[in-house]
Amino acid sequence: MYPDLSYLLHDLIGTPIDNWLSVFKTFGFVLAISFLVSAVVYYKELKRKALAGIFAPSFEKVIEGKPVSAAIPEIISNTLVGLIIGGKGGLIAADSTVFMRDPAAVILSTDMAWLPGIIGAAILGGLTWWDIRRQALPQPIEKTLKIWPHDRISEFTVWAAVGGILGAKIFDIFDNWQYFLRDPLGALLSGGGLAFFGGLILGFIAVVTFQYRKKIPFLHSADAVAPALTAGYGFGRIGCQLAGDGDWGIANVAPKPGWMSFLPDWMWAYRYPHTVLGDAFSEPDNAFKIGDMTAVRIEGFSGRYPFQLEIPVYPTPFYEIIMMIGVFAILWSIRKRITTPGLVFFIYLGLIAIERFAIEKIRVNEVHNVLGIILTQAEIISICLFLISIAGSIFVIRRNKRQPAVSALEEAPDVMDQD
């Protein structure tokens, strides 16, 4: 379909494929936007709760006009960033075809163009030193800043992104252990292969750790993050559908039901032309295996990504987009009505557990034998999350009866500017 943006623009406005836009892989591009979508929704909810008096600000001291000697760690870190940007940029400039084929492998590798890297380090490190020296004061000034939880949204996003991507990769490795053993470096550096629940769990742990350090109330913040996670996940599935990253369903050769007759055929069964998984295969290869599926060359196509599935499958990423819209609508509609702290979050866990358990029935996945029952990794985690949802809901409801909510999150006075 659209493995990179050059294919998308080719369909929209007729530009050639495999141009410089090939650098922007559709899956990674949409994934990045999905983090921004989550951040926007999370910010909106955190700010609403702050306006309702649920959150209190924290106070942090900062020093303005500090001398260069006090900013050595900042100068060193920026110098290293300059080294990486220059080194990787020089590597890409020397051979852009490798980067266009697999950006993640180039960015995450240990290869560097050292001369451009040293120049980049000198420029960024020097500019940082100059800027700090320019702002230095004879007597540094200490100020106290009032910071609300929603003011930390960029920090939340970074923690969630790092933890989420790391968790998604780790869980995918465990689910595809044999592939990891055959090619550990390739599995780690590949831009594909991300498990949703792994990203959810480690991303959640990372954010909770950050909240604990900043003394942000957990249950209220968890309620705020529930619709944000749903929006981000649903948007991220657009990338899976467009790129054809292997996160599709089982074979579907049944005729399209009559009630779907007015919808495009791909919504029922799809062969995922130009799947990103075919880019690693050399020209002589006419077919390759993807689990139990076989991908074959697209007749008459000679560019990159020349493969599609031999047999159509259920387009499960598309179905999950639709299901996530429904889950988001439910959470968004109840978020103000439910005043029990934490209950919206545990409802969210139950809904995504049901959604993922249901979609697993028509998805391609590795299976595991659990006490004689054959389950996928996602089904196992879904069962656990559903049980946590029930137990957590009972806990917070009982807790709220002993310690009632202070106020409903409806109309509330603006406390943001009060000291």
Protein backbone atom coordinates (compact mmCIF):
# COMPACT_ATOMS: atom_id res chain seq x y z
CA MET A 1 0.00 0.00 0.00
CA TYR A 2 2.14 2.91 1.27
CA PRO A 3 5.45 1.67 2.75
CA ASP A 4 6.84 5.21 2.66
CA LEU A 5 5.56 8.69 1.87
CA SER A 6 6.73 8.59 -1.75
CA TYR A 7 4.11 5.89 -2.44
CA LEU A 8 1.40 7.94 -0.72
CA LEU A 9 2.15 11.08 -2.74
CA HIS A 10 2.38 8.99 -5.90
CA ASP A 11 -1.24 7.95 -5.42
CA LEU A 12 -2.38 11.43 -4.39
CA ILE A 13 -0.63 13.68 -6.90
CA GLY A 14 1.28 11.36 -9.24
CA THR A 15 4.86 12.08 -8.13
CA PRO A 16 7.45 9.34 -8.83
CA ILE A 17 7.97 6.66 -6.20
CA ASP A 18 11.32 5.90 -4.52
CA ASN A 19 12.33 9.57 -4.36
CA TRP A 20 13.81 11.43 -1.38
CA LEU A 21 10.51 11.03 0.49
CA SER A 22 11.38 7.32 0.78
CA VAL A 23 13.34 8.30 3.87
CA PHE A 24 10.03 8.89 5.69
CA LYS A 25 8.65 5.43 6.39
CA THR A 26 4.89 5.48 6.77
CA PHE A 27 4.79 3.35 9.90
CA GLY A 28 7.38 5.45 11.75
CA PHE A 29 5.82 8.70 10.52
CA VAL A 30 2.34 7.73 11.75
CA LEU A 31 3.79 6.34 15.00
CA ALA A 32 5.41 9.70 15.72
CA ILE A 33 2.12 11.50 15.09
CA SER A 34 0.30 9.02 17.34
CA PHE A 35 2.50 10.10 20.28
CA LEU A 36 1.56 13.71 19.55
CA VAL A 37 -2.14 12.78 19.41
CA SER A 38 -1.85 11.11 22.81
CA ALA A 39 0.01 14.12 24.19
CA VAL A 40 -2.69 16.56 23.04
CA VAL A 41 -5.53 14.53 24.59
CA TYR A 42 -3.55 13.96 27.81
CA TYR A 43 -2.72 17.67 28.08
CA LYS A 44 -6.37 18.59 27.64
CA GLU A 45 -7.48 16.20 30.40
CA LEU A 46 -4.71 17.17 32.83
CA LYS A 47 -5.52 20.84 32.38
CA ARG A 48 -9.25 20.21 32.86
CA LYS A 49 -8.55 18.43 36.13
CA ALA A 50 -6.26 21.25 37.24
CA LEU A 51 -9.04 23.77 36.52
CA ALA A 52 -11.38 21.63 38.62
CA GLY A 53 -9.02 21.82 41.58
CA ILE A 54 -8.01 18.16 41.42
CA PHE A 55 -4.31 18.84 40.92
CA ALA A 56 -2.05 21.19 42.85
CA PRO A 57 1.05 22.78 41.35
CA SER A 58 4.57 21.95 42.40
CA PHE A 59 7.24 24.56 42.98
CA GLU A 60 10.74 24.21 41.58
CA LYS A 61 13.76 26.46 41.90
CA VAL A 62 15.75 27.46 38.83
CA ILE A 63 18.89 29.55 38.49
CA GLU A 64 19.10 32.21 35.79
CA GLY A 65 22.41 33.65 34.64
CA LYS A 66 24.50 30.73 35.84
CA PRO A 67 28.21 30.71 34.89
CA VAL A 68 29.68 28.41 32.26
CA SER A 69 31.34 26.30 34.97
CA ALA A 70 27.89 25.35 36.32
CA ALA A 71 26.65 24.24 32.89
CA ILE A 72 29.39 21.74 31.96
CA PRO A 73 26.97 18.73 31.87
CA GLU A 74 24.68 20.62 29.47
CA ILE A 75 27.61 21.54 27.22
CA ILE A 76 28.88 17.96 27.18
CA SER A 77 25.44 16.49 26.39
CA ASN A 78 24.86 18.93 23.53
CA THR A 79 28.36 18.20 22.21
CA LEU A 80 27.48 14.49 22.10
CA VAL A 81 24.22 15.28 20.33
CA GLY A 82 26.18 17.28 17.74
CA LEU A 83 28.57 14.36 17.30
CA ILE A 84 25.70 11.95 16.62
CA ILE A 85 23.82 14.31 14.30
CA GLY A 86 26.95 15.16 12.32
CA GLY A 87 28.24 11.57 12.26
CA LYS A 88 24.94 10.05 11.18
CA GLY A 89 24.24 12.89 8.77
CA GLY A 90 27.61 12.39 7.10
CA LEU A 91 26.96 8.65 6.87
CA ILE A 92 23.60 9.24 5.21
CA ALA A 93 25.05 11.82 2.80
CA ALA A 94 27.78 9.37 1.76
CA ASP A 95 25.27 6.61 0.92
CA SER A 96 21.63 7.69 1.15
CA THR A 97 20.33 4.47 -0.44
CA VAL A 98 21.08 2.48 2.72
CA PHE A 99 19.21 5.00 4.86
CA MET A 100 16.26 5.08 2.47
CA ARG A 101 16.04 1.30 2.66
CA ASP A 102 16.18 0.98 6.47
CA PRO A 103 16.50 4.24 8.46
CA ALA A 104 16.36 2.47 11.83
CA ALA A 105 19.34 0.26 11.01
CA VAL A 106 21.47 3.31 10.11
CA ILE A 107 20.39 5.44 13.07
CA LEU A 108 20.77 2.66 15.66
CA SER A 109 24.02 1.22 14.32
CA THR A 110 27.49 2.04 15.69
CA ASP A 111 28.67 3.31 12.29
CA MET A 112 29.66 6.99 12.15
CA ALA A 113 31.23 9.43 9.70
CA TRP A 114 33.77 10.79 12.17
CA LEU A 115 34.89 13.98 10.46
CA PRO A 116 31.34 15.40 10.05
CA GLY A 117 30.64 14.10 13.57
CA ILE A 118 33.54 16.07 15.07
CA ILE A 119 32.46 19.17 13.15
CA GLY A 120 28.88 18.76 14.42
CA ALA A 121 30.12 18.30 17.98
CA ALA A 122 32.27 21.42 17.77
CA ILE A 123 29.43 23.53 16.33
CA LEU A 124 26.68 22.47 18.76
CA GLY A 125 28.98 22.36 21.78
CA GLY A 126 30.44 25.75 20.88
CA LEU A 127 27.03 27.34 20.36
CA THR A 128 25.85 26.00 23.73
CA TRP A 129 28.95 27.39 25.47
CA TRP A 130 28.49 30.78 23.75
CA ASP A 131 24.79 31.01 24.63
CA ILE A 132 25.36 30.16 28.31
CA ARG A 133 28.26 32.62 28.53
CA ARG A 134 26.11 35.32 26.86
CA GLN A 135 23.34 34.89 29.46
CA ALA A 136 25.66 34.65 32.47
CA LEU A 137 25.13 37.28 35.18
CA PRO A 138 27.65 38.65 37.70
CA GLN A 139 25.31 37.34 40.39
CA PRO A 140 23.03 34.46 39.32
CA ILE A 141 19.34 34.85 40.25
CA GLU A 142 17.33 32.06 41.88
CA LYS A 143 13.65 31.91 40.91
CA THR A 144 10.78 29.68 42.02
CA LEU A 145 8.48 28.42 39.26
CA LYS A 146 4.95 27.08 39.71
CA ILE A 147 4.51 23.98 37.56
CA TRP A 148 1.24 22.15 36.92
CA PRO A 149 1.07 18.51 35.74
CA HIS A 150 -0.04 19.60 32.25
CA ASP A 151 3.07 21.81 32.02
CA ARG A 152 5.09 18.60 32.02
CA ILE A 153 3.39 17.12 28.97
CA SER A 154 6.60 17.10 26.92
CA GLU A 155 8.36 15.16 29.69
CA PHE A 156 5.44 12.73 29.91
CA THR A 157 5.62 12.19 26.15
CA VAL A 158 9.37 11.50 26.15
CA TRP A 159 9.09 9.03 29.03
CA ALA A 160 6.13 7.29 27.39
CA ALA A 161 7.85 7.15 23.99
CA VAL A 162 11.11 5.71 25.30
CA GLY A 163 9.41 3.21 27.61
CA GLY A 164 6.75 2.34 25.05
CA ILE A 165 9.10 1.67 22.13
CA LEU A 166 11.53 -0.26 24.35
CA GLY A 167 8.71 -2.35 25.82
CA ALA A 168 7.14 -3.00 22.43
CA LYS A 169 10.47 -4.21 21.06
CA ILE A 170 11.26 -6.42 24.10
CA PHE A 171 7.85 -8.10 24.09
CA ASP A 172 8.07 -8.69 20.34
CA ILE A 173 11.47 -10.34 20.79
CA PHE A 174 10.02 -12.72 23.41
CA ASP A 175 7.14 -13.53 21.06
CA ASN A 176 9.56 -14.20 18.18
CA TRP A 177 12.44 -15.72 20.13
CA GLN A 178 13.67 -18.00 17.34
CA TYR A 179 14.03 -15.08 14.94
CA PHE A 180 15.93 -13.15 17.61
CA LEU A 181 18.31 -16.08 18.13
CA ARG A 182 18.99 -16.29 14.39
CA ASP A 183 19.70 -12.57 14.01
CA PRO A 184 19.89 -10.74 17.37
CA LEU A 185 21.29 -7.50 15.94
CA GLY A 186 18.79 -7.45 13.10
CA ALA A 187 15.88 -8.03 15.49
CA LEU A 188 17.04 -5.23 17.81
CA LEU A 189 17.79 -2.67 15.09
CA SER A 190 14.79 -3.39 12.88
CA GLY A 191 12.25 -0.58 12.66
CA GLY A 192 9.45 -3.15 12.62
CA GLY A 193 8.35 -5.70 15.16
CA LEU A 194 6.52 -3.86 17.93
CA ALA A 195 4.12 -5.47 20.39
CA PHE A 196 1.33 -3.17 21.58
CA PHE A 197 0.94 -4.58 25.08
CA GLY A 198 4.69 -4.46 25.66
CA GLY A 199 4.67 -0.78 24.75
CA LEU A 200 1.65 -0.17 26.96
CA ILE A 201 3.14 -1.89 30.01
CA LEU A 202 6.67 -0.45 29.93
CA GLY A 203 5.45 2.94 28.77
CA PHE A 204 2.98 2.95 31.67
CA ILE A 205 5.71 1.98 34.14
CA ALA A 206 7.97 4.74 32.81
CA VAL A 207 5.26 7.41 33.16
CA VAL A 208 4.19 6.21 36.64
CA THR A 209 7.83 6.37 37.74
CA PHE A 210 8.05 9.95 36.51
CA GLN A 211 4.77 10.84 38.24
CA TYR A 212 5.98 9.36 41.50
CA ARG A 213 9.15 11.43 41.35
CA LYS A 214 7.12 14.59 40.71
CA LYS A 215 4.45 13.72 43.35
CA ILE A 216 1.57 13.76 40.85
CA PRO A 217 -1.55 11.88 42.11
CA PHE A 218 -1.64 8.54 40.34
CA LEU A 219 -5.36 7.71 40.08
CA HIS A 220 -6.46 11.08 38.71
CA SER A 221 -3.59 11.12 36.25
CA ALA A 222 -4.41 7.53 35.19
CA ASP A 223 -7.98 8.60 34.45
CA ALA A 224 -6.63 11.42 32.30
CA VAL A 225 -4.30 9.16 30.36
CA ALA A 226 -6.93 6.51 29.50
CA PRO A 227 -8.54 8.36 26.54
CA ALA A 228 -5.10 9.59 25.48
CA LEU A 229 -3.73 6.05 25.20
CA THR A 230 -6.80 4.97 23.27
CA ALA A 231 -6.48 7.84 20.79
CA GLY A 232 -2.76 7.23 20.30
CA TYR A 233 -3.15 3.49 19.79
CA GLY A 234 -6.01 3.88 17.34
CA PHE A 235 -4.06 6.45 15.33
CA GLY A 236 -0.93 4.28 15.40
CA ARG A 237 -2.85 1.40 13.82
CA ILE A 238 -3.27 3.59 10.73
CA GLY A 239 0.47 3.16 10.19
CA CYS A 240 0.18 -0.63 10.47
CA GLN A 241 -2.61 -0.68 7.89
CA LEU A 242 -0.88 1.64 5.43
CA ALA A 243 2.58 0.07 5.67
CA GLY A 244 1.56 -3.60 5.73
CA ASP A 245 3.94 -4.40 8.60
CA GLY A 246 2.75 -7.98 9.13
CA ASP A 247 0.23 -7.09 11.80
CA TRP A 248 -2.62 -8.46 9.74
CA GLY A 249 -5.21 -11.19 10.15
CA ILE A 250 -5.52 -14.80 9.10
CA ALA A 251 -6.35 -15.82 5.54
CA ASN A 252 -9.80 -14.73 4.40
CA VAL A 253 -11.08 -16.26 1.17
CA ALA A 254 -14.76 -16.10 2.11
CA PRO A 255 -17.00 -13.93 -0.09
CA LYS A 256 -17.75 -10.46 1.22
CA PRO A 257 -21.02 -10.39 3.18
CA GLY A 258 -23.97 -8.68 1.55
CA TRP A 259 -24.24 -6.08 4.29
CA MET A 260 -20.73 -4.91 3.33
CA SER A 261 -21.48 -4.69 -0.39
CA PHE A 262 -21.31 -0.88 -0.42
CA LEU A 263 -17.83 -0.88 1.18
CA PRO A 264 -14.47 -1.32 -0.61
CA ASP A 265 -13.25 -4.92 -0.93
CA TRP A 266 -10.10 -4.22 1.10
CA MET A 267 -12.21 -3.69 4.23
CA TRP A 268 -13.13 -7.38 4.09
CA ALA A 269 -10.04 -9.03 2.64
CA TYR A 270 -6.72 -7.49 1.58
CA ARG A 271 -3.42 -8.65 0.12
CA TYR A 272 -1.36 -5.68 1.39
CA PRO A 273 0.49 -4.75 -1.83
CA HIS A 274 3.96 -3.23 -1.33
CA THR A 275 4.28 -4.65 2.18
CA VAL A 276 7.32 -3.25 3.97
CA LEU A 277 8.34 -6.78 4.91
CA GLY A 278 9.41 -7.51 1.34
CA ASP A 279 12.08 -4.85 1.09
CA ALA A 280 14.85 -7.08 2.46
CA PHE A 281 14.55 -9.67 -0.31
CA SER A 282 16.83 -9.58 -3.31
CA GLU A 283 15.78 -9.34 -6.93
CA PRO A 284 15.86 -13.07 -7.76
CA ASP A 285 13.39 -13.90 -4.99
CA ASN A 286 9.89 -14.32 -6.34
CA ALA A 287 8.25 -15.30 -3.05
CA PHE A 288 8.99 -15.52 0.66
CA LYS A 289 7.27 -16.78 3.79
CA ILE A 290 5.81 -14.55 6.51
CA GLY A 291 4.85 -17.02 9.23
CA ASP A 292 2.18 -19.19 7.63
CA MET A 293 1.63 -16.69 4.83
CA THR A 294 3.38 -16.43 1.47
CA ALA A 295 4.19 -13.12 -0.21
CA VAL A 296 4.64 -13.05 -3.99
CA ARG A 297 5.91 -10.45 -6.42
CA ILE A 298 3.43 -7.97 -7.86
CA GLU A 299 3.22 -8.66 -11.57
CA GLY A 300 4.65 -5.86 -13.71
CA PHE A 301 6.07 -3.89 -10.76
CA SER A 302 9.86 -3.33 -10.73
CA GLY A 303 10.36 -0.81 -7.91
CA ARG A 304 11.07 -1.33 -4.24
CA TYR A 305 8.55 -3.16 -2.04
CA PRO A 306 7.44 -5.42 -4.91
CA PHE A 307 5.56 -8.00 -2.80
CA GLN A 308 2.00 -8.65 -1.73
CA LEU A 309 0.32 -11.55 0.03
CA GLU A 310 -0.59 -14.50 -2.15
CA ILE A 311 -3.90 -15.00 -0.30
CA PRO A 312 -5.97 -12.10 1.09
CA VAL A 313 -6.27 -11.72 4.86
CA TYR A 314 -8.48 -9.89 7.33
CA PRO A 315 -7.31 -6.25 7.58
CA THR A 316 -7.18 -6.38 11.39
CA PRO A 317 -5.36 -3.02 11.83
CA PHE A 318 -8.32 -1.33 10.13
CA TYR A 319 -10.75 -3.17 12.40
CA GLU A 320 -8.79 -2.07 15.44
CA ILE A 321 -8.93 1.55 14.29
CA ILE A 322 -12.73 1.30 14.22
CA MET A 323 -12.84 -0.47 17.61
CA MET A 324 -10.57 2.15 19.18
CA ILE A 325 -12.84 4.92 17.94
CA GLY A 326 -15.63 3.19 19.85
CA VAL A 327 -13.55 2.77 23.00
CA PHE A 328 -12.44 6.41 22.83
CA ALA A 329 -16.04 7.57 22.43
CA ILE A 330 -17.07 5.62 25.54
CA LEU A 331 -14.20 6.95 27.66
CA TRP A 332 -14.67 10.51 26.44
CA SER A 333 -18.37 10.43 27.26
CA ILE A 334 -17.93 9.10 30.82
CA ARG A 335 -14.82 10.99 31.86
CA LYS A 336 -16.79 13.86 33.46
CA ARG A 337 -19.65 11.76 34.80
CA ILE A 338 -17.53 9.34 36.81
CA THR A 339 -16.02 11.03 39.85
CA THR A 340 -14.45 7.96 41.49
CA PRO A 341 -10.68 8.43 41.05
CA GLY A 342 -9.14 5.63 38.99
CA LEU A 343 -12.41 4.10 37.77
CA VAL A 344 -12.15 5.50 34.23
CA PHE A 345 -8.67 3.99 33.95
CA PHE A 346 -9.78 0.53 35.08
CA ILE A 347 -12.74 0.69 32.70
CA TYR A 348 -10.19 1.49 29.97
CA LEU A 349 -8.14 -1.61 30.88
CA GLY A 350 -11.26 -3.77 30.66
CA LEU A 351 -12.30 -2.35 27.28
CA ILE A 352 -8.90 -2.75 25.63
CA ALA A 353 -8.61 -6.27 27.08
CA ILE A 354 -11.94 -7.23 25.47
CA GLU A 355 -11.02 -5.50 22.21
CA ARG A 356 -7.64 -7.17 21.89
CA PHE A 357 -8.86 -10.62 22.96
CA ALA A 358 -11.60 -10.43 20.32
CA ILE A 359 -9.34 -9.30 17.46
CA GLU A 360 -6.78 -12.02 18.27
CA LYS A 361 -9.24 -14.62 16.98
CA ILE A 362 -8.60 -13.48 13.41
CA ARG A 363 -4.99 -12.24 13.74
CA VAL A 364 -1.73 -13.96 12.80
CA ASN A 365 0.35 -14.49 15.94
CA GLU A 366 2.69 -16.82 17.75
CA VAL A 367 0.81 -19.09 20.17
CA HIS A 368 1.76 -20.46 23.59
CA ASN A 369 0.56 -23.48 25.56
CA VAL A 370 -0.75 -22.29 28.93
CA LEU A 371 -1.90 -25.23 31.07
CA GLY A 372 -3.08 -27.03 27.96
CA ILE A 373 -4.84 -23.96 26.52
CA ILE A 374 -3.45 -22.46 23.31
CA LEU A 375 -3.24 -18.68 23.64
CA THR A 376 -1.34 -15.85 22.01
CA GLN A 377 0.80 -13.49 24.06
CA ALA A 378 -1.81 -10.75 23.61
CA GLU A 379 -4.63 -13.06 24.76
CA ILE A 380 -2.71 -13.96 27.91
CA ILE A 381 -2.09 -10.30 28.71
CA SER A 382 -5.72 -9.44 27.83
CA ILE A 383 -6.98 -11.94 30.40
CA CYS A 384 -4.63 -10.50 33.03
CA LEU A 385 -5.68 -6.93 32.23
CA PHE A 386 -9.37 -7.83 32.40
CA LEU A 387 -8.88 -9.36 35.86
CA ILE A 388 -6.91 -6.27 36.93
CA SER A 389 -9.75 -4.12 35.57
CA ILE A 390 -12.34 -5.90 37.71
CA ALA A 391 -10.19 -5.97 40.84
CA GLY A 392 -9.10 -2.36 40.38
CA SER A 393 -12.66 -1.13 39.81
CA ILE A 394 -13.87 -2.84 42.99
CA PHE A 395 -10.93 -1.39 44.94
CA VAL A 396 -11.39 2.23 43.85
CA ILE A 397 -15.19 2.12 44.31
CA ARG A 398 -14.82 0.81 47.87
CA ARG A 399 -12.03 3.28 48.53
CA ASN A 400 -14.19 6.15 47.27
CA LYS A 401 -17.05 5.15 49.57
CA ARG A 402 -14.70 5.41 52.52
CA GLN A 403 -13.16 8.60 51.15
CA PRO A 404 -15.70 10.35 48.85
CA ALA A 405 -14.56 12.47 45.90
CA VAL A 406 -14.23 16.13 46.79
CA SER A 407 -16.17 17.39 43.77
CA ALA A 408 -17.47 16.44 40.36
CA LEU A 409 -15.35 17.34 37.36
CA GLU A 410 -18.02 19.47 35.76
CA GLU A 411 -17.89 23.26 35.77
CA ALA A 412 -15.22 24.50 38.18
CA PRO A 413 -13.60 27.84 39.01
CA ASP A 414 -10.39 28.76 37.27
CA VAL A 415 -7.66 28.12 39.86
CA MET A 416 -4.79 28.16 37.42
CA ASP A 417 -3.73 31.73 38.18
CA GLN A 418 -4.25 31.61 41.92
CA ASP A 419 -1.18 31.46 44.16
